[in-house]
C-alpha atoms as a PDB file:
ATOM      1  CA  UNK A   1      15.112  35.649-207.985  1.00  0.00           C
ATOM      2  CA  UNK A   2      16.175  35.897-204.357  1.00  0.00           C
ATOM      3  CA  UNK A   3      19.431  37.799-204.411  1.00  0.00           C
ATOM      4  CA  UNK A   4      21.526  39.761-201.923  1.00  0.00           C
ATOM      5  CA  UNK A   5      21.175  43.509-202.288  1.00  0.00           C
ATOM      6  CA  UNK A   6      21.537  46.732-200.397  1.00  0.00           C
ATOM      7  CA  UNK A   7      18.384  48.522-199.176  1.00  0.00           C
ATOM      8  CA  UNK A   8      18.657  50.739-202.248  1.00  0.00           C
ATOM      9  CA  UNK A   9      18.364  47.670-204.446  1.00  0.00           C
ATOM     10  CA  UNK A  10      21.983  47.568-205.640  1.00  0.00           C
ATOM     11  CA  UNK A  11      24.025  44.418-205.373  1.00  0.00           C
ATOM     12  CA  UNK A  12      26.369  44.374-202.395  1.00  0.00           C
ATOM     13  CA  UNK A  13      30.052  44.558-203.231  1.00  0.00           C
ATOM     14  CA  UNK A  14      33.240  45.687-201.553  1.00  0.00           C
ATOM     15  CA  UNK A  15      34.179  43.413-198.699  1.00  0.00           C
ATOM     16  CA  UNK A  16      31.274  41.079-199.381  1.00  0.00           C
ATOM     17  CA  UNK A  17      32.166  37.562-200.467  1.00  0.00           C
ATOM     18  CA  UNK A  18      30.174  35.429-202.871  1.00  0.00           C
ATOM     19  CA  UNK A  19      29.488  31.718-202.703  1.00  0.00           C
ATOM     20  CA  UNK A  20      28.399  30.311-206.048  1.00  0.00           C
ATOM     21  CA  UNK A  21      26.415  27.174-206.700  1.00  0.00           C
ATOM     22  CA  UNK A  22      24.021  26.123-209.488  1.00  0.00           C
ATOM     23  CA  UNK A  23      24.204  29.536-211.104  1.00  0.00           C
ATOM     24  CA  UNK A  24      23.075  31.492-208.052  1.00  0.00           C
ATOM     25  CA  UNK A  25      24.870  33.357-205.276  1.00  0.00           C
ATOM     26  CA  UNK A  26      24.238  34.549-201.756  1.00  0.00           C
ATOM     27  CA  UNK A  27      26.621  37.346-200.811  1.00  0.00           C
ATOM     28  CA  UNK A  28      27.586  38.083-197.238  1.00  0.00           C
ATOM     29  CA  UNK A  29      29.074  41.377-196.052  1.00  0.00           C
ATOM     30  CA  UNK A  30      31.512  39.607-193.791  1.00  0.00           C
ATOM     31  CA  UNK A  31      35.248  39.217-193.340  1.00  0.00           C
ATOM     32  CA  UNK A  32      35.118  35.672-194.694  1.00  0.00           C
ATOM     33  CA  UNK A  33      37.538  34.000-197.071  1.00  0.00           C
ATOM     34  CA  UNK A  34      35.817  32.058-199.837  1.00  0.00           C
ATOM     35  CA  UNK A  35      37.849  29.642-201.889  1.00  0.00           C
ATOM     36  CA  UNK A  36      36.429  28.521-205.226  1.00  0.00           C
ATOM     37  CA  UNK A  37      37.437  25.188-206.631  1.00  0.00           C
ATOM     38  CA  UNK A  38      39.106  25.184-210.017  1.00  0.00           C
ATOM     39  CA  UNK A  39      37.014  22.218-211.096  1.00  0.00           C
ATOM     40  CA  UNK A  40      33.428  22.530-209.893  1.00  0.00           C
ATOM     41  CA  UNK A  41      31.515  25.254-208.028  1.00  0.00           C
ATOM     42  CA  UNK A  42      30.184  22.488-205.775  1.00  0.00           C
ATOM     43  CA  UNK A  43      33.675  22.149-204.305  1.00  0.00           C
ATOM     44  CA  UNK A  44      33.702  25.671-202.884  1.00  0.00           C
ATOM     45  CA  UNK A  45      34.841  25.840-199.279  1.00  0.00           C
ATOM     46  CA  UNK A  46      34.317  28.359-196.529  1.00  0.00           C
ATOM     47  CA  UNK A  47      37.297  29.111-194.312  1.00  0.00           C
ATOM     48  CA  UNK A  48      36.820  30.784-190.964  1.00  0.00           C
ATOM     49  CA  UNK A  49      39.343  30.928-188.136  1.00  0.00           C
ATOM     50  CA  UNK A  50      41.474  28.216-189.683  1.00  0.00           C
ATOM     51  CA  UNK A  51      38.643  25.725-190.114  1.00  0.00           C
ATOM     52  CA  UNK A  52      37.387  24.461-193.452  1.00  0.00           C
ATOM     53  CA  UNK A  53      33.912  23.179-194.163  1.00  0.00           C
ATOM     54  CA  UNK A  54      32.437  21.884-197.357  1.00  0.00           C
ATOM     55  CA  UNK A  55      29.691  24.182-198.561  1.00  0.00           C
ATOM     56  CA  UNK A  56      26.436  22.662-197.357  1.00  0.00           C
ATOM     57  CA  UNK A  57      28.142  20.021-195.178  1.00  0.00           C
ATOM     58  CA  UNK A  58      28.741  20.980-191.530  1.00  0.00           C
ATOM     59  CA  UNK A  59      32.132  19.999-190.112  1.00  0.00           C
ATOM     60  CA  UNK A  60      31.254  17.973-187.037  1.00  0.00           C
ATOM     61  CA  UNK A  61      34.610  18.525-185.317  1.00  0.00           C
ATOM     62  CA  UNK A  62      34.180  22.301-185.389  1.00  0.00           C
ATOM     63  CA  UNK A  63      32.167  23.842-182.539  1.00  0.00           C
ATOM     64  CA  UNK A  64      31.065  26.564-184.901  1.00  0.00           C
ATOM     65  CA  UNK A  65      29.821  25.587-188.351  1.00  0.00           C
ATOM     66  CA  UNK A  66      28.527  28.420-190.514  1.00  0.00           C
ATOM     67  CA  UNK A  67      26.883  26.800-193.486  1.00  0.00           C
ATOM     68  CA  UNK A  68      24.733  28.990-195.715  1.00  0.00           C
ATOM     69  CA  UNK A  69      22.216  28.118-198.359  1.00  0.00           C
ATOM     70  CA  UNK A  70      23.049  28.975-201.956  1.00  0.00           C
ATOM     71  CA  UNK A  71      19.710  29.726-203.571  1.00  0.00           C
ATOM     72  CA  UNK A  72      18.837  28.006-206.826  1.00  0.00           C
ATOM     73  CA  UNK A  73      17.626  29.992-209.797  1.00  0.00           C
ATOM     74  CA  UNK A  74      14.286  28.279-210.287  1.00  0.00           C
ATOM     75  CA  UNK A  75      11.561  29.926-208.247  1.00  0.00           C
ATOM     76  CA  UNK A  76      13.922  31.159-205.525  1.00  0.00           C
ATOM     77  CA  UNK A  77      12.124  34.515-205.323  1.00  0.00           C
ATOM     78  CA  UNK A  78       9.268  32.836-203.446  1.00  0.00           C
ATOM     79  CA  UNK A  79      11.382  30.779-201.075  1.00  0.00           C
ATOM     80  CA  UNK A  80      11.726  31.423-197.372  1.00  0.00           C
ATOM     81  CA  UNK A  81      15.444  32.033-196.617  1.00  0.00           C
ATOM     82  CA  UNK A  82      14.937  31.005-192.984  1.00  0.00           C
ATOM     83  CA  UNK A  83      13.545  27.621-193.954  1.00  0.00           C
ATOM     84  CA  UNK A  84      16.309  27.134-196.516  1.00  0.00           C
ATOM     85  CA  UNK A  85      19.051  28.005-194.008  1.00  0.00           C
ATOM     86  CA  UNK A  86      17.451  25.652-191.529  1.00  0.00           C
ATOM     87  CA  UNK A  87      17.683  22.811-194.041  1.00  0.00           C
ATOM     88  CA  UNK A  88      21.310  23.636-194.743  1.00  0.00           C
ATOM     89  CA  UNK A  89      22.132  23.683-191.026  1.00  0.00           C
ATOM     90  CA  UNK A  90      20.248  20.454-190.324  1.00  0.00           C
ATOM     91  CA  UNK A  91      23.395  18.561-189.280  1.00  0.00           C
ATOM     92  CA  UNK A  92      24.775  21.341-187.086  1.00  0.00           C
ATOM     93  CA  UNK A  93      24.429  20.533-183.355  1.00  0.00           C
ATOM     94  CA  UNK A  94      23.215  24.008-182.435  1.00  0.00           C
ATOM     95  CA  UNK A  95      22.448  27.356-184.064  1.00  0.00           C
ATOM     96  CA  UNK A  96      20.231  30.404-183.874  1.00  0.00           C
ATOM     97  CA  UNK A  97      18.845  32.328-186.864  1.00  0.00           C
ATOM     98  CA  UNK A  98      17.968  35.892-185.839  1.00  0.00           C
ATOM     99  CA  UNK A  99      16.059  38.475-187.850  1.00  0.00           C
ATOM    100  CA  UNK A 100      18.667  41.219-187.637  1.00  0.00           C
ATOM    101  CA  UNK A 101      16.955  43.890-189.725  1.00  0.00           C
ATOM    102  CA  UNK A 102      14.122  44.553-192.188  1.00  0.00           C
ATOM    103  CA  UNK A 103      13.525  47.134-194.865  1.00  0.00           C
ATOM    104  CA  UNK A 104      10.798  48.059-197.323  1.00  0.00           C
ATOM    105  CA  UNK A 105      11.460  50.240-200.360  1.00  0.00           C
ATOM    106  CA  UNK A 106       9.236  51.779-202.994  1.00  0.00           C
ATOM    107  CA  UNK A 107       5.642  52.988-203.002  1.00  0.00           C
ATOM    108  CA  UNK A 108       4.104  51.754-206.242  1.00  0.00           C
ATOM    109  CA  UNK A 109       6.085  48.506-206.540  1.00  0.00           C
ATOM    110  CA  UNK A 110       7.595  47.893-203.093  1.00  0.00           C
ATOM    111  CA  UNK A 111      10.503  45.569-202.506  1.00  0.00           C
ATOM    112  CA  UNK A 112      11.244  43.840-199.226  1.00  0.00           C
ATOM    113  CA  UNK A 113      14.571  42.979-197.625  1.00  0.00           C
ATOM    114  CA  UNK A 114      15.898  41.017-194.659  1.00  0.00           C
ATOM    115  CA  UNK A 115      19.207  40.732-192.889  1.00  0.00           C
ATOM    116  CA  UNK A 116      19.954  37.735-190.684  1.00  0.00           C
ATOM    117  CA  UNK A 117      22.366  36.989-187.870  1.00  0.00           C
ATOM    118  CA  UNK A 118      23.401  33.368-187.367  1.00  0.00           C
ATOM    119  CA  UNK A 119      24.891  32.483-183.990  1.00  0.00           C
ATOM    120  CA  UNK A 120      26.635  29.305-182.933  1.00  0.00           C
ATOM    121  CA  UNK A 121      28.182  29.215-179.501  1.00  0.00           C
ATOM    122  CA  UNK A 122      30.277  32.316-178.923  1.00  0.00           C
ATOM    123  CA  UNK A 123      30.571  33.194-182.608  1.00  0.00           C
ATOM    124  CA  UNK A 124      28.274  34.854-185.068  1.00  0.00           C
ATOM    125  CA  UNK A 125      27.944  36.090-188.617  1.00  0.00           C
ATOM    126  CA  UNK A 126      25.587  38.579-190.285  1.00  0.00           C
ATOM    127  CA  UNK A 127      24.280  38.368-193.820  1.00  0.00           C
ATOM    128  CA  UNK A 128      24.017  41.306-196.166  1.00  0.00           C
ATOM    129  CA  UNK A 129      20.592  42.465-197.372  1.00  0.00           C
ATOM    130  CA  UNK A 130      18.567  39.712-199.056  1.00  0.00           C
ATOM    131  CA  UNK A 131      15.453  40.472-201.059  1.00  0.00           C
ATOM    132  CA  UNK A 132      12.438  38.459-199.905  1.00  0.00           C
ATOM    133  CA  UNK A 133       8.838  38.146-201.033  1.00  0.00           C
ATOM    134  CA  UNK A 134       6.065  40.188-199.450  1.00  0.00           C
ATOM    135  CA  UNK A 135       4.642  37.037-197.879  1.00  0.00           C
ATOM    136  CA  UNK A 136       7.952  36.180-196.213  1.00  0.00           C
ATOM    137  CA  UNK A 137       8.374  39.764-195.046  1.00  0.00           C
ATOM    138  CA  UNK A 138       4.936  39.809-193.448  1.00  0.00           C
ATOM    139  CA  UNK A 139       5.403  36.354-191.953  1.00  0.00           C
ATOM    140  CA  UNK A 140       8.342  37.524-189.841  1.00  0.00           C
ATOM    141  CA  UNK A 141       7.408  41.192-189.480  1.00  0.00           C
ATOM    142  CA  UNK A 142       6.493  40.947-185.751  1.00  0.00           C
ATOM    143  CA  UNK A 143       9.841  39.337-184.824  1.00  0.00           C
ATOM    144  CA  UNK A 144      12.575  41.920-185.405  1.00  0.00           C
ATOM    145  CA  UNK A 145      15.646  41.097-183.315  1.00  0.00           C
ATOM    146  CA  UNK A 146      14.247  37.724-182.284  1.00  0.00           C
ATOM    147  CA  UNK A 147      15.415  34.190-182.890  1.00  0.00           C
ATOM    148  CA  UNK A 148      13.239  32.801-185.678  1.00  0.00           C
ATOM    149  CA  UNK A 149      14.623  29.270-185.449  1.00  0.00           C
ATOM    150  CA  UNK A 150      16.971  27.790-182.868  1.00  0.00           C
ATOM    151  CA  UNK A 151      18.456  24.404-182.198  1.00  0.00           C
ATOM    152  CA  UNK A 152      20.106  22.955-179.113  1.00  0.00           C
ATOM    153  CA  UNK A 153      21.526  19.525-178.404  1.00  0.00           C
ATOM    154  CA  UNK A 154      19.104  19.055-175.515  1.00  0.00           C
ATOM    155  CA  UNK A 155      15.856  20.280-177.085  1.00  0.00           C
ATOM    156  CA  UNK A 156      16.389  19.989-180.818  1.00  0.00           C
ATOM    157  CA  UNK A 157      14.864  22.503-183.249  1.00  0.00           C
ATOM    158  CA  UNK A 158      12.375  25.169-182.185  1.00  0.00           C
ATOM    159  CA  UNK A 159      10.519  27.256-184.774  1.00  0.00           C
ATOM    160  CA  UNK A 160       8.761  29.358-182.149  1.00  0.00           C
ATOM    161  CA  UNK A 161      10.256  32.887-182.234  1.00  0.00           C
ATOM    162  CA  UNK A 162      11.834  33.944-178.957  1.00  0.00           C
ATOM    163  CA  UNK A 163      14.477  36.325-177.596  1.00  0.00           C
ATOM    164  CA  UNK A 164      17.936  35.198-178.776  1.00  0.00           C
ATOM    165  CA  UNK A 165      19.944  33.301-176.201  1.00  0.00           C
ATOM    166  CA  UNK A 166      16.968  32.154-174.141  1.00  0.00           C
ATOM    167  CA  UNK A 167      17.344  28.624-175.469  1.00  0.00           C
ATOM    168  CA  UNK A 168      20.720  28.367-173.657  1.00  0.00           C
ATOM    169  CA  UNK A 169      19.481  29.584-170.294  1.00  0.00           C
ATOM    170  CA  UNK A 170      19.628  26.778-167.752  1.00  0.00           C
ATOM    171  CA  UNK A 171      22.367  24.970-169.670  1.00  0.00           C
ATOM    172  CA  UNK A 172      25.514  24.720-167.469  1.00  0.00           C
ATOM    173  CA  UNK A 173      27.668  24.726-170.597  1.00  0.00           C
ATOM    174  CA  UNK A 174      26.759  28.379-171.192  1.00  0.00           C
ATOM    175  CA  UNK A 175      26.409  29.822-167.711  1.00  0.00           C
ATOM    176  CA  UNK A 176      24.849  29.504-164.273  1.00  0.00           C
ATOM    177  CA  UNK A 177      22.197  30.942-161.995  1.00  0.00           C
ATOM    178  CA  UNK A 178      23.752  33.820-160.070  1.00  0.00           C
ATOM    179  CA  UNK A 179      23.285  34.689-156.422  1.00  0.00           C
ATOM    180  CA  UNK A 180      20.732  37.331-157.376  1.00  0.00           C
ATOM    181  CA  UNK A 181      18.486  34.678-158.887  1.00  0.00           C
ATOM    182  CA  UNK A 182      19.149  35.634-162.521  1.00  0.00           C
ATOM    183  CA  UNK A 183      21.031  33.835-165.271  1.00  0.00           C
ATOM    184  CA  UNK A 184      24.675  34.727-165.912  1.00  0.00           C
ATOM    185  CA  UNK A 185      26.449  33.662-169.114  1.00  0.00           C
ATOM    186  CA  UNK A 186      30.117  32.772-169.021  1.00  0.00           C
ATOM    187  CA  UNK A 187      32.506  35.377-170.411  1.00  0.00           C
ATOM    188  CA  UNK A 188      32.935  33.793-173.837  1.00  0.00           C
ATOM    189  CA  UNK A 189      29.172  34.002-174.316  1.00  0.00           C
ATOM    190  CA  UNK A 190      28.864  37.668-173.364  1.00  0.00           C
ATOM    191  CA  UNK A 191      27.384  38.289-176.816  1.00  0.00           C
ATOM    192  CA  UNK A 192      24.304  36.361-175.648  1.00  0.00           C
ATOM    193  CA  UNK A 193      23.887  38.714-172.708  1.00  0.00           C
ATOM    194  CA  UNK A 194      24.075  41.703-175.035  1.00  0.00           C
ATOM    195  CA  UNK A 195      21.404  40.244-177.298  1.00  0.00           C
ATOM    196  CA  UNK A 196      19.199  39.682-174.255  1.00  0.00           C
ATOM    197  CA  UNK A 197      19.547  43.288-173.094  1.00  0.00           C
ATOM    198  CA  UNK A 198      21.816  42.712-170.102  1.00  0.00           C
ATOM    199  CA  UNK A 199      23.783  45.821-171.038  1.00  0.00           C
ATOM    200  CA  UNK A 200      20.613  47.854-170.455  1.00  0.00           C
ATOM    201  CA  UNK A 201      19.990  46.450-167.024  1.00  0.00           C
ATOM    202  CA  UNK A 202      17.700  43.654-168.114  1.00  0.00           C
ATOM    203  CA  UNK A 203      17.978  40.220-166.469  1.00  0.00           C
ATOM    204  CA  UNK A 204      16.268  36.882-166.926  1.00  0.00           C
ATOM    205  CA  UNK A 205      15.034  35.270-163.729  1.00  0.00           C
ATOM    206  CA  UNK A 206      13.762  31.771-163.138  1.00  0.00           C
ATOM    207  CA  UNK A 207      10.091  32.694-163.387  1.00  0.00           C
ATOM    208  CA  UNK A 208      10.610  34.255-166.825  1.00  0.00           C
ATOM    209  CA  UNK A 209      12.690  31.268-167.879  1.00  0.00           C
ATOM    210  CA  UNK A 210       9.787  29.003-166.882  1.00  0.00           C
ATOM    211  CA  UNK A 211       7.385  31.179-168.896  1.00  0.00           C
ATOM    212  CA  UNK A 212       9.673  30.882-171.915  1.00  0.00           C
ATOM    213  CA  UNK A 213       9.879  27.105-171.582  1.00  0.00           C
ATOM    214  CA  UNK A 214       6.103  26.867-171.392  1.00  0.00           C
ATOM    215  CA  UNK A 215       5.659  29.010-174.526  1.00  0.00           C
ATOM    216  CA  UNK A 216       8.303  27.049-176.385  1.00  0.00           C
ATOM    217  CA  UNK A 217       6.721  23.705-175.557  1.00  0.00           C
ATOM    218  CA  UNK A 218       3.313  24.910-176.724  1.00  0.00           C
ATOM    219  CA  UNK A 219       4.756  26.379-179.951  1.00  0.00           C
ATOM    220  CA  UNK A 220       3.870  30.012-179.143  1.00  0.00           C
ATOM    221  CA  UNK A 221       6.112  33.026-179.866  1.00  0.00           C
ATOM    222  CA  UNK A 222       7.636  34.452-176.696  1.00  0.00           C
ATOM    223  CA  UNK A 223       8.326  38.188-176.527  1.00  0.00           C
ATOM    224  CA  UNK A 224       9.685  38.294-172.978  1.00  0.00           C
ATOM    225  CA  UNK A 225       7.796  38.610-169.727  1.00  0.00           C
ATOM    226  CA  UNK A 226       7.096  42.311-170.358  1.00  0.00           C
ATOM    227  CA  UNK A 227       7.011  41.985-174.157  1.00  0.00           C
ATOM    228  CA  UNK A 228      10.381  43.742-174.453  1.00  0.00           C
ATOM    229  CA  UNK A 229      11.338  41.871-177.624  1.00  0.00           C
ATOM    230  CA  UNK A 230       9.999  41.764-181.151  1.00  0.00           C
ATOM    231  CA  UNK A 231       9.159  44.587-183.543  1.00  0.00           C
ATOM    232  CA  UNK A 232       6.905  46.304-180.995  1.00  0.00           C
ATOM    233  CA  UNK A 233       9.161  45.592-178.018  1.00  0.00           C
ATOM    234  CA  UNK A 234      10.566  48.410-175.908  1.00  0.00           C
ATOM    235  CA  UNK A 235      14.067  46.907-175.899  1.00  0.00           C
ATOM    236  CA  UNK A 236      14.052  46.469-179.670  1.00  0.00           C
ATOM    237  CA  UNK A 237      13.140  50.116-180.152  1.00  0.00           C
ATOM    238  CA  UNK A 238      16.163  51.140-178.072  1.00  0.00           C
ATOM    239  CA  UNK A 239      18.636  48.862-179.798  1.00  0.00           C
ATOM    240  CA  UNK A 240      17.469  49.256-183.419  1.00  0.00           C
ATOM    241  CA  UNK A 241      16.526  52.931-183.912  1.00  0.00           C
ATOM    242  CA  UNK A 242      17.538  52.887-187.587  1.00  0.00           C
ATOM    243  CA  UNK A 243      14.782  50.435-188.443  1.00  0.00           C
ATOM    244  CA  UNK A 244      12.083  52.598-186.916  1.00  0.00           C
ATOM    245  CA  UNK A 245      13.422  55.698-188.650  1.00  0.00           C
ATOM    246  CA  UNK A 246      13.326  53.904-192.010  1.00  0.00           C
ATOM    247  CA  UNK A 247       9.836  52.614-191.316  1.00  0.00           C
ATOM    248  CA  UNK A 248       8.643  56.106-190.484  1.00  0.00           C
ATOM    249  CA  UNK A 249      10.172  57.436-193.699  1.00  0.00           C
ATOM    250  CA  UNK A 250       8.478  54.654-195.669  1.00  0.00           C
ATOM    251  CA  UNK A 251       5.131  55.513-194.079  1.00  0.00           C
ATOM    252  CA  UNK A 252       5.563  59.184-195.019  1.00  0.00           C
ATOM    253  CA  UNK A 253       6.378  58.250-198.612  1.00  0.00           C
ATOM    254  CA  UNK A 254       3.284  56.065-198.829  1.00  0.00           C
ATOM    255  CA  UNK A 255       1.086  58.796-197.413  1.00  0.00           C
ATOM    256  CA  UNK A 256       2.577  61.328-199.807  1.00  0.00           C
ATOM    257  CA  UNK A 257       2.103  58.985-202.736  1.00  0.00           C
ATOM    258  CA  UNK A 258      -1.515  58.350-201.755  1.00  0.00           C
ATOM    259  CA  UNK A 259      -2.184  62.081-201.421  1.00  0.00           C
ATOM    260  CA  UNK A 260      -0.683  62.752-204.865  1.00  0.00           C
ATOM    261  CA  UNK A 261      -2.816  60.021-206.426  1.00  0.00           C
ATOM    262  CA  UNK A 262      -5.948  61.312-204.746  1.00  0.00           C
ATOM    263  CA  UNK A 263      -5.220  64.883-205.830  1.00  0.00           C
ATOM    264  CA  UNK A 264      -4.555  63.784-209.387  1.00  0.00           C
ATOM    265  CA  UNK A 265      -7.790  61.810-209.560  1.00  0.00           C
ATOM    266  CA  UNK A 266      -9.769  64.622-207.969  1.00  0.00           C
ATOM    267  CA  UNK A 267      -8.310  67.078-210.478  1.00  0.00           C
ATOM    268  CA  UNK A 268      -9.285  64.877-213.422  1.00  0.00           C
ATOM    269  CA  UNK A 269     -12.751  64.413-211.966  1.00  0.00           C
ATOM    270  CA  UNK A 270     -13.276  68.160-211.629  1.00  0.00           C
ATOM    271  CA  UNK A 271     -12.010  68.761-215.148  1.00  0.00           C
ATOM    272  CA  UNK A 272     -14.334  66.126-216.563  1.00  0.00           C
ATOM    273  CA  UNK A 273     -17.342  67.432-214.628  1.00  0.00           C
ATOM    274  CA  UNK A 274     -16.733  70.983-215.817  1.00  0.00           C
ATOM    275  CA  UNK A 275     -16.433  69.855-219.411  1.00  0.00           C
ATOM    276  CA  UNK A 276     -19.729  68.013-219.243  1.00  0.00           C
ATOM    277  CA  UNK A 277     -21.374  71.001-217.623  1.00  0.00           C
ATOM    278  CA  UNK A 278     -20.308  73.328-220.376  1.00  0.00           C
ATOM    279  CA  UNK A 279     -21.519  70.882-222.968  1.00  0.00           C
ATOM    280  CA  UNK A 280     -24.900  70.595-221.277  1.00  0.00           C
ATOM    281  CA  UNK A 281     -25.370  74.391-221.241  1.00  0.00           C
ATOM    282  CA  UNK A 282     -24.763  74.810-224.930  1.00  0.00           C
END
């Protein structure tokens, strides 16, 4: 079953809120208020900043609609959470699903986890850890910190991974081209600039924007003009050091586990060879 957990495998509690539906729950470590209906779980509502939305039904009048998938029990361990969230957000006018973090635990029987960030306009929300299958983990492994799926009113849905916020570049609703030839987001969308590395001196110019548009139209992942984004990107390594530390620790554990197995097998082999040798000499 696909269930929200911490990297250590324990269910997330504390400030996390649970949405229940069809016997399953997806828990988010967010400051959200979840109201359960007294009659049916299907009537659960999500309240955020004074707005109410039916679970699974975006509220069209709200600029920001955070609607999350509640995973069903049957076979949910093999489902792709990104695809499921995309289905749930199908009626939302715009959104971005970002791979916020990844984690792998265990040597003999590894488990895999994702965290996602969903952005709509100037607002965002982050999920808690969600266990995913190995196939799903490997599918998105190159795209840490990137937008896995995005949707805009002008261009519709794009499943080509790209740096978050790039889909809004060129849209006068979100910003404008500055005198220096690079894109500037309006103040309420400063979060987009942070995701794009503006705080570290990075800028997006028209030629890079054109490269992004070309990649998007051809369905190719876009890692930035200098490949700054994604799991191997230089910007990602600066902004997500915890991931790389965990990955290094996981690699050490695997190497240690392999060495222990090899030593154990070599020891048994030597013991068996010696025993046969003594038997042969008798």
